[in-house]
PDB file of N, CA and C in Angstrom:
ATOM      1  N   UNK A   1       0.821  -1.200   0.000  1.00  0.00           N
ATOM      2  CA  UNK A   1       0.000   0.000   0.000  1.00  0.00           C
ATOM      3  C   UNK A   1       0.861   1.259   0.000  1.00  0.00           C
ATOM      4  N   UNK A   2       1.987   1.233   0.698  1.00  0.00           N
ATOM      5  CA  UNK A   2       2.850   2.399   0.717  1.00  0.00           C
ATOM      6  C   UNK A   2       3.393   2.715  -0.670  1.00  0.00           C
ATOM      7  N   UNK A   3       3.614   1.682  -1.480  1.00  0.00           N
ATOM      8  CA  UNK A   3       4.088   1.923  -2.837  1.00  0.00           C
ATOM      9  C   UNK A   3       3.037   2.661  -3.654  1.00  0.00           C
ATOM     10  N   UNK A   4       1.755   2.340  -3.476  1.00  0.00           N
ATOM     11  CA  UNK A   4       0.684   3.026  -4.193  1.00  0.00           C
ATOM     12  C   UNK A   4       0.612   4.486  -3.775  1.00  0.00           C
ATOM     13  N   UNK A   5       0.803   4.751  -2.493  1.00  0.00           N
ATOM     14  CA  UNK A   5       0.792   6.146  -2.036  1.00  0.00           C
ATOM     15  C   UNK A   5       1.919   6.938  -2.688  1.00  0.00           C
ATOM     16  N   UNK A   6       3.068   6.319  -2.826  1.00  0.00           N
ATOM     17  CA  UNK A   6       4.202   6.987  -3.474  1.00  0.00           C
ATOM     18  C   UNK A   6       3.888   7.220  -4.952  1.00  0.00           C
ATOM     19  N   UNK A   7       3.199   6.262  -5.586  1.00  0.00           N
ATOM     20  CA  UNK A   7       2.846   6.385  -7.001  1.00  0.00           C
ATOM     21  C   UNK A   7       1.812   7.483  -7.230  1.00  0.00           C
ATOM     22  N   UNK A   8       0.954   7.746  -6.245  1.00  0.00           N
ATOM     23  CA  UNK A   8      -0.082   8.767  -6.400  1.00  0.00           C
ATOM     24  C   UNK A   8       0.425  10.180  -6.139  1.00  0.00           C
ATOM     25  N   UNK A   9       1.655  10.339  -5.705  1.00  0.00           N
ATOM     26  CA  UNK A   9       2.221  11.668  -5.485  1.00  0.00           C
ATOM     27  C   UNK A   9       2.273  12.415  -6.807  1.00  0.00           C
ATOM     28  N   UNK A  10       2.220  13.762  -6.761  1.00  0.00           N
ATOM     29  CA  UNK A  10       2.289  14.524  -8.007  1.00  0.00           C
ATOM     30  C   UNK A  10       3.562  14.201  -8.782  1.00  0.00           C
ATOM     31  N   UNK A  11       3.440  14.016 -10.059  1.00  0.00           N
ATOM     32  CA  UNK A  11       4.573  13.694 -10.907  1.00  0.00           C
ATOM     33  C   UNK A  11       4.228  12.547 -11.840  1.00  0.00           C
ATOM     34  N   UNK A  12       5.103  12.300 -12.772  1.00  0.00           N
ATOM     35  CA  UNK A  12       4.860  11.240 -13.741  1.00  0.00           C
ATOM     36  C   UNK A  12       5.211   9.887 -13.128  1.00  0.00           C
ATOM     37  N   UNK A  13       4.204   9.074 -12.948  1.00  0.00           N
ATOM     38  CA  UNK A  13       4.393   7.703 -12.480  1.00  0.00           C
ATOM     39  C   UNK A  13       3.461   6.815 -13.286  1.00  0.00           C
ATOM     40  N   UNK A  14       3.677   5.545 -13.225  1.00  0.00           N
ATOM     41  CA  UNK A  14       2.851   4.613 -13.985  1.00  0.00           C
ATOM     42  C   UNK A  14       1.380   4.690 -13.601  1.00  0.00           C
ATOM     43  N   UNK A  15       1.114   4.814 -12.315  1.00  0.00           N
ATOM     44  CA  UNK A  15      -0.276   4.880 -11.848  1.00  0.00           C
ATOM     45  C   UNK A  15      -0.937   6.175 -12.329  1.00  0.00           C
ATOM     46  N   UNK A  16      -0.239   7.303 -12.198  1.00  0.00           N
ATOM     47  CA  UNK A  16      -0.816   8.578 -12.630  1.00  0.00           C
ATOM     48  C   UNK A  16      -1.073   8.602 -14.137  1.00  0.00           C
ATOM     49  N   UNK A  17      -0.148   8.066 -14.915  1.00  0.00           N
ATOM     50  CA  UNK A  17      -0.338   8.020 -16.370  1.00  0.00           C
ATOM     51  C   UNK A  17      -1.503   7.092 -16.720  1.00  0.00           C
ATOM     52  N   UNK A  18      -1.591   5.947 -16.039  1.00  0.00           N
ATOM     53  CA  UNK A  18      -2.699   5.019 -16.285  1.00  0.00           C
ATOM     54  C   UNK A  18      -4.043   5.637 -15.958  1.00  0.00           C
ATOM     55  N   UNK A  19      -4.128   6.349 -14.835  1.00  0.00           N
ATOM     56  CA  UNK A  19      -5.376   7.032 -14.474  1.00  0.00           C
ATOM     57  C   UNK A  19      -5.715   8.085 -15.519  1.00  0.00           C
ATOM     58  N   UNK A  20      -4.725   8.817 -15.983  1.00  0.00           N
ATOM     59  CA  UNK A  20      -4.958   9.850 -16.988  1.00  0.00           C
ATOM     60  C   UNK A  20      -5.476   9.251 -18.292  1.00  0.00           C
ATOM     61  N   UNK A  21      -4.877   8.168 -18.749  1.00  0.00           N
ATOM     62  CA  UNK A  21      -5.329   7.517 -19.982  1.00  0.00           C
ATOM     63  C   UNK A  21      -6.760   7.032 -19.823  1.00  0.00           C
ATOM     64  N   UNK A  22      -7.065   6.433 -18.683  1.00  0.00           N
ATOM     65  CA  UNK A  22      -8.429   5.972 -18.424  1.00  0.00           C
ATOM     66  C   UNK A  22      -9.413   7.137 -18.416  1.00  0.00           C
ATOM     67  N   UNK A  23      -9.019   8.249 -17.830  1.00  0.00           N
ATOM     68  CA  UNK A  23      -9.899   9.413 -17.796  1.00  0.00           C
ATOM     69  C   UNK A  23     -10.074  10.045 -19.170  1.00  0.00           C
ATOM     70  N   UNK A  24      -9.047   9.986 -20.020  1.00  0.00           N
ATOM     71  CA  UNK A  24      -9.184  10.499 -21.387  1.00  0.00           C
ATOM     72  C   UNK A  24     -10.264   9.709 -22.119  1.00  0.00           C
ATOM     73  N   UNK A  25     -10.292   8.411 -21.889  1.00  0.00           N
ATOM     74  CA  UNK A  25     -11.281   7.561 -22.550  1.00  0.00           C
ATOM     75  C   UNK A  25     -12.675   7.807 -21.983  1.00  0.00           C
ATOM     76  N   UNK A  26     -12.788   7.953 -20.661  1.00  0.00           N
ATOM     77  CA  UNK A  26     -14.101   8.054 -20.020  1.00  0.00           C
ATOM     78  C   UNK A  26     -14.635   9.481 -19.929  1.00  0.00           C
ATOM     79  N   UNK A  27     -13.804  10.415 -19.506  1.00  0.00           N
ATOM     80  CA  UNK A  27     -14.268  11.787 -19.280  1.00  0.00           C
ATOM     81  C   UNK A  27     -13.074  12.733 -19.433  1.00  0.00           C
ATOM     82  N   UNK A  28     -12.932  13.314 -20.617  1.00  0.00           N
ATOM     83  CA  UNK A  28     -11.734  14.106 -20.891  1.00  0.00           C
ATOM     84  C   UNK A  28     -11.562  15.335 -19.991  1.00  0.00           C
ATOM     85  N   UNK A  29     -12.635  16.019 -19.490  1.00  0.00           N
ATOM     86  CA  UNK A  29     -12.372  17.147 -18.581  1.00  0.00           C
ATOM     87  C   UNK A  29     -11.663  16.710 -17.286  1.00  0.00           C
ATOM     88  N   UNK A  30     -12.010  15.526 -16.797  1.00  0.00           N
ATOM     89  CA  UNK A  30     -11.323  15.019 -15.612  1.00  0.00           C
ATOM     90  C   UNK A  30      -9.873  14.671 -15.925  1.00  0.00           C
ATOM     91  N   UNK A  31      -9.620  14.247 -17.152  1.00  0.00           N
ATOM     92  CA  UNK A  31      -8.241  13.967 -17.569  1.00  0.00           C
ATOM     93  C   UNK A  31      -7.417  15.254 -17.552  1.00  0.00           C
ATOM     94  N   UNK A  32      -8.010  16.366 -17.942  1.00  0.00           N
ATOM     95  CA  UNK A  32      -7.286  17.638 -17.891  1.00  0.00           C
ATOM     96  C   UNK A  32      -6.949  18.015 -16.454  1.00  0.00           C
ATOM     97  N   UNK A  33      -7.873  17.752 -15.534  1.00  0.00           N
ATOM     98  CA  UNK A  33      -7.585  18.007 -14.126  1.00  0.00           C
ATOM     99  C   UNK A  33      -6.454  17.108 -13.617  1.00  0.00           C
ATOM    100  N   UNK A  34      -6.441  15.871 -14.067  1.00  0.00           N
ATOM    101  CA  UNK A  34      -5.391  14.946 -13.646  1.00  0.00           C
ATOM    102  C   UNK A  34      -4.037  15.387 -14.201  1.00  0.00           C
ATOM    103  N   UNK A  35      -4.015  15.864 -15.428  1.00  0.00           N
ATOM    104  CA  UNK A  35      -2.766  16.365 -16.017  1.00  0.00           C
ATOM    105  C   UNK A  35      -2.270  17.587 -15.229  1.00  0.00           C
ATOM    106  N   UNK A  36      -3.194  18.478 -14.865  1.00  0.00           N
ATOM    107  CA  UNK A  36      -2.817  19.638 -14.052  1.00  0.00           C
ATOM    108  C   UNK A  36      -2.270  19.186 -12.701  1.00  0.00           C
ATOM    109  N   UNK A  37      -2.883  18.153 -12.119  1.00  0.00           N
ATOM    110  CA  UNK A  37      -2.384  17.617 -10.846  1.00  0.00           C
ATOM    111  C   UNK A  37      -0.973  17.059 -10.997  1.00  0.00           C
ATOM    112  N   UNK A  38      -0.731  16.354 -12.073  1.00  0.00           N
ATOM    113  CA  UNK A  38       0.589  15.753 -12.283  1.00  0.00           C
ATOM    114  C   UNK A  38       1.670  16.835 -12.347  1.00  0.00           C
ATOM    115  N   UNK A  39       1.386  17.914 -13.050  1.00  0.00           N
ATOM    116  CA  UNK A  39       2.410  18.942 -13.253  1.00  0.00           C
ATOM    117  C   UNK A  39       2.434  20.015 -12.168  1.00  0.00           C
ATOM    118  N   UNK A  40       1.284  20.353 -11.577  1.00  0.00           N
ATOM    119  CA  UNK A  40       1.228  21.467 -10.637  1.00  0.00           C
ATOM    120  C   UNK A  40       0.812  21.071  -9.225  1.00  0.00           C
ATOM    121  N   UNK A  41       0.553  19.792  -8.979  1.00  0.00           N
ATOM    122  CA  UNK A  41       0.094  19.351  -7.667  1.00  0.00           C
ATOM    123  C   UNK A  41       1.051  19.683  -6.543  1.00  0.00           C
ATOM    124  N   UNK A  42       2.328  19.539  -6.805  1.00  0.00           N
ATOM    125  CA  UNK A  42       3.319  19.821  -5.764  1.00  0.00           C
ATOM    126  C   UNK A  42       3.379  21.313  -5.454  1.00  0.00           C
ATOM    127  N   UNK A  43       3.197  22.163  -6.457  1.00  0.00           N
ATOM    128  CA  UNK A  43       3.255  23.611  -6.243  1.00  0.00           C
ATOM    129  C   UNK A  43       2.101  24.104  -5.384  1.00  0.00           C
ATOM    130  N   UNK A  44       0.916  23.516  -5.564  1.00  0.00           N
ATOM    131  CA  UNK A  44      -0.244  23.952  -4.785  1.00  0.00           C
ATOM    132  C   UNK A  44      -0.416  23.145  -3.508  1.00  0.00           C
ATOM    133  N   UNK A  45       0.413  22.148  -3.288  1.00  0.00           N
ATOM    134  CA  UNK A  45       0.394  21.393  -2.042  1.00  0.00           C
ATOM    135  C   UNK A  45      -0.638  20.289  -1.982  1.00  0.00           C
ATOM    136  N   UNK A  46      -0.976  19.689  -3.114  1.00  0.00           N
ATOM    137  CA  UNK A  46      -1.948  18.602  -3.145  1.00  0.00           C
ATOM    138  C   UNK A  46      -1.219  17.297  -3.428  1.00  0.00           C
ATOM    139  N   UNK A  47      -1.553  16.270  -2.653  1.00  0.00           N
ATOM    140  CA  UNK A  47      -0.948  14.957  -2.840  1.00  0.00           C
ATOM    141  C   UNK A  47      -2.031  13.913  -2.596  1.00  0.00           C
ATOM    142  N   UNK A  48      -2.433  13.175  -3.633  1.00  0.00           N
ATOM    143  CA  UNK A  48      -3.475  12.166  -3.489  1.00  0.00           C
ATOM    144  C   UNK A  48      -3.035  11.007  -2.605  1.00  0.00           C
ATOM    145  N   UNK A  49      -1.757  10.847  -2.393  1.00  0.00           N
ATOM    146  CA  UNK A  49      -1.247   9.816  -1.504  1.00  0.00           C
ATOM    147  C   UNK A  49      -1.438  10.175  -0.039  1.00  0.00           C
ATOM    148  N   UNK A  50      -1.637  11.460   0.230  1.00  0.00           N
ATOM    149  CA  UNK A  50      -1.888  11.930   1.597  1.00  0.00           C
ATOM    150  C   UNK A  50      -3.167  12.752   1.589  1.00  0.00           C
ATOM    151  N   UNK A  51      -4.310  12.143   1.904  1.00  0.00           N
ATOM    152  CA  UNK A  51      -5.600  12.835   1.820  1.00  0.00           C
ATOM    153  C   UNK A  51      -5.703  14.098   2.681  1.00  0.00           C
ATOM    154  N   UNK A  52      -4.910  14.215   3.728  1.00  0.00           N
ATOM    155  CA  UNK A  52      -4.970  15.407   4.571  1.00  0.00           C
ATOM    156  C   UNK A  52      -4.599  16.664   3.786  1.00  0.00           C
ATOM    157  N   UNK A  53      -3.785  16.528   2.751  1.00  0.00           N
ATOM    158  CA  UNK A  53      -3.408  17.700   1.959  1.00  0.00           C
ATOM    159  C   UNK A  53      -4.603  18.250   1.182  1.00  0.00           C
ATOM    160  N   UNK A  54      -5.564  17.388   0.866  1.00  0.00           N
ATOM    161  CA  UNK A  54      -6.764  17.855   0.160  1.00  0.00           C
ATOM    162  C   UNK A  54      -7.598  18.772   1.051  1.00  0.00           C
ATOM    163  N   UNK A  55      -7.712  18.435   2.326  1.00  0.00           N
ATOM    164  CA  UNK A  55      -8.465  19.264   3.265  1.00  0.00           C
ATOM    165  C   UNK A  55      -7.818  20.640   3.369  1.00  0.00           C
ATOM    166  N   UNK A  56      -6.504  20.667   3.499  1.00  0.00           N
ATOM    167  CA  UNK A  56      -5.777  21.933   3.579  1.00  0.00           C
ATOM    168  C   UNK A  56      -5.947  22.742   2.300  1.00  0.00           C
ATOM    169  N   UNK A  57      -5.850  22.082   1.146  1.00  0.00           N
ATOM    170  CA  UNK A  57      -5.993  22.773  -0.131  1.00  0.00           C
ATOM    171  C   UNK A  57      -7.375  23.398  -0.265  1.00  0.00           C
ATOM    172  N   UNK A  58      -8.429  22.639   0.056  1.00  0.00           N
ATOM    173  CA  UNK A  58      -9.786  23.182  -0.079  1.00  0.00           C
ATOM    174  C   UNK A  58     -10.064  24.277   0.941  1.00  0.00           C
ATOM    175  N   UNK A  59      -9.459  24.226   2.117  1.00  0.00           N
ATOM    176  CA  UNK A  59      -9.604  25.304   3.088  1.00  0.00           C
ATOM    177  C   UNK A  59      -8.956  26.585   2.568  1.00  0.00           C
ATOM    178  N   UNK A  60      -7.757  26.458   1.976  1.00  0.00           N
ATOM    179  CA  UNK A  60      -7.098  27.634   1.393  1.00  0.00           C
ATOM    180  C   UNK A  60      -7.890  28.181   0.214  1.00  0.00           C
ATOM    181  N   UNK A  61      -8.457  27.282  -0.602  1.00  0.00           N
ATOM    182  CA  UNK A  61      -9.248  27.705  -1.746  1.00  0.00           C
ATOM    183  C   UNK A  61     -10.499  28.447  -1.294  1.00  0.00           C
ATOM    184  N   UNK A  62     -11.150  27.953  -0.257  1.00  0.00           N
ATOM    185  CA  UNK A  62     -12.352  28.599   0.288  1.00  0.00           C
ATOM    186  C   UNK A  62     -12.033  30.004   0.807  1.00  0.00           C
ATOM    187  N   UNK A  63     -10.912  30.131   1.515  1.00  0.00           N
ATOM    188  CA  UNK A  63     -10.490  31.436   2.027  1.00  0.00           C
ATOM    189  C   UNK A  63     -10.208  32.407   0.884  1.00  0.00           C
ATOM    190  N   UNK A  64      -9.538  31.924  -0.142  1.00  0.00           N
ATOM    191  CA  UNK A  64      -9.219  32.781  -1.290  1.00  0.00           C
ATOM    192  C   UNK A  64     -10.480  33.205  -2.033  1.00  0.00           C
ATOM    193  N   UNK A  65     -11.424  32.293  -2.198  1.00  0.00           N
ATOM    194  CA  UNK A  65     -12.677  32.645  -2.877  1.00  0.00           C
ATOM    195  C   UNK A  65     -13.470  33.671  -2.080  1.00  0.00           C
ATOM    196  N   UNK A  66     -13.536  33.499  -0.770  1.00  0.00           N
ATOM    197  CA  UNK A  66     -14.256  34.473   0.064  1.00  0.00           C
ATOM    198  C   UNK A  66     -13.605  35.847  -0.001  1.00  0.00           C
ATOM    199  N   UNK A  67     -12.289  35.894   0.018  1.00  0.00           N
ATOM    200  CA  UNK A  67     -11.580  37.174  -0.075  1.00  0.00           C
ATOM    201  C   UNK A  67     -11.821  37.825  -1.436  1.00  0.00           C
ATOM    202  N   UNK A  68     -11.827  37.026  -2.481  1.00  0.00           N
ATOM    203  CA  UNK A  68     -12.087  37.568  -3.820  1.00  0.00           C
ATOM    204  C   UNK A  68     -13.493  38.107  -3.952  1.00  0.00           C
ATOM    205  N   UNK A  69     -14.469  37.386  -3.417  1.00  0.00           N
ATOM    206  CA  UNK A  69     -15.869  37.847  -3.467  1.00  0.00           C
ATOM    207  C   UNK A  69     -16.040  39.117  -2.639  1.00  0.00           C
ATOM    208  N   UNK A  70     -15.402  39.171  -1.479  1.00  0.00           N
ATOM    209  CA  UNK A  70     -15.481  40.367  -0.635  1.00  0.00           C
ATOM    210  C   UNK A  70     -14.869  41.568  -1.349  1.00  0.00           C
ATOM    211  N   UNK A  71     -13.747  41.384  -2.014  1.00  0.00           N
ATOM    212  CA  UNK A  71     -13.100  42.484  -2.732  1.00  0.00           C
ATOM    213  C   UNK A  71     -13.947  42.914  -3.930  1.00  0.00           C
ATOM    214  N   UNK A  72     -14.612  41.985  -4.570  1.00  0.00           N
ATOM    215  CA  UNK A  72     -15.449  42.307  -5.727  1.00  0.00           C
ATOM    216  C   UNK A  72     -16.694  43.067  -5.305  1.00  0.00           C
ATOM    217  N   UNK A  73     -17.256  42.715  -4.147  1.00  0.00           N
ATOM    218  CA  UNK A  73     -18.487  43.346  -3.679  1.00  0.00           C
ATOM    219  C   UNK A  73     -18.243  44.653  -2.931  1.00  0.00           C
ATOM    220  N   UNK A  74     -16.986  44.992  -2.675  1.00  0.00           N
ATOM    221  CA  UNK A  74     -16.661  46.226  -1.954  1.00  0.00           C
ATOM    222  C   UNK A  74     -17.030  47.427  -2.830  1.00  0.00           C
ATOM    223  N   UNK A  75     -17.783  48.369  -2.270  1.00  0.00           N
ATOM    224  CA  UNK A  75     -18.171  49.538  -3.081  1.00  0.00           C
ATOM    225  C   UNK A  75     -16.958  50.386  -3.462  1.00  0.00           C
ATOM    226  N   UNK A  76     -16.979  50.897  -4.657  1.00  0.00           N
ATOM    227  CA  UNK A  76     -15.862  51.729  -5.105  1.00  0.00           C
ATOM    228  C   UNK A  76     -15.993  53.127  -4.536  1.00  0.00           C
ATOM    229  N   UNK A  77     -14.867  53.764  -4.287  1.00  0.00           N
ATOM    230  CA  UNK A  77     -14.860  55.075  -3.628  1.00  0.00           C
ATOM    231  C   UNK A  77     -15.013  56.187  -4.610  1.00  0.00           C
TER     232      UNK A  77
END
């Protein structure tokens, strides 16, 4: 099981490429997300091998979205 967790880390691995190929066949928009994960997952701090990183990522995303909405709704001077 530890080997699978290492394979699911962001980057080119056999498991990640296999999942991407399967997603291209079944649902290409999800394949694009998987490709983005492979190349940019480490930069944004997401690792499918460690599910706790997903919670942190979505918490940061929620905070950023709320700040963006607040700045957009702020009346102009």
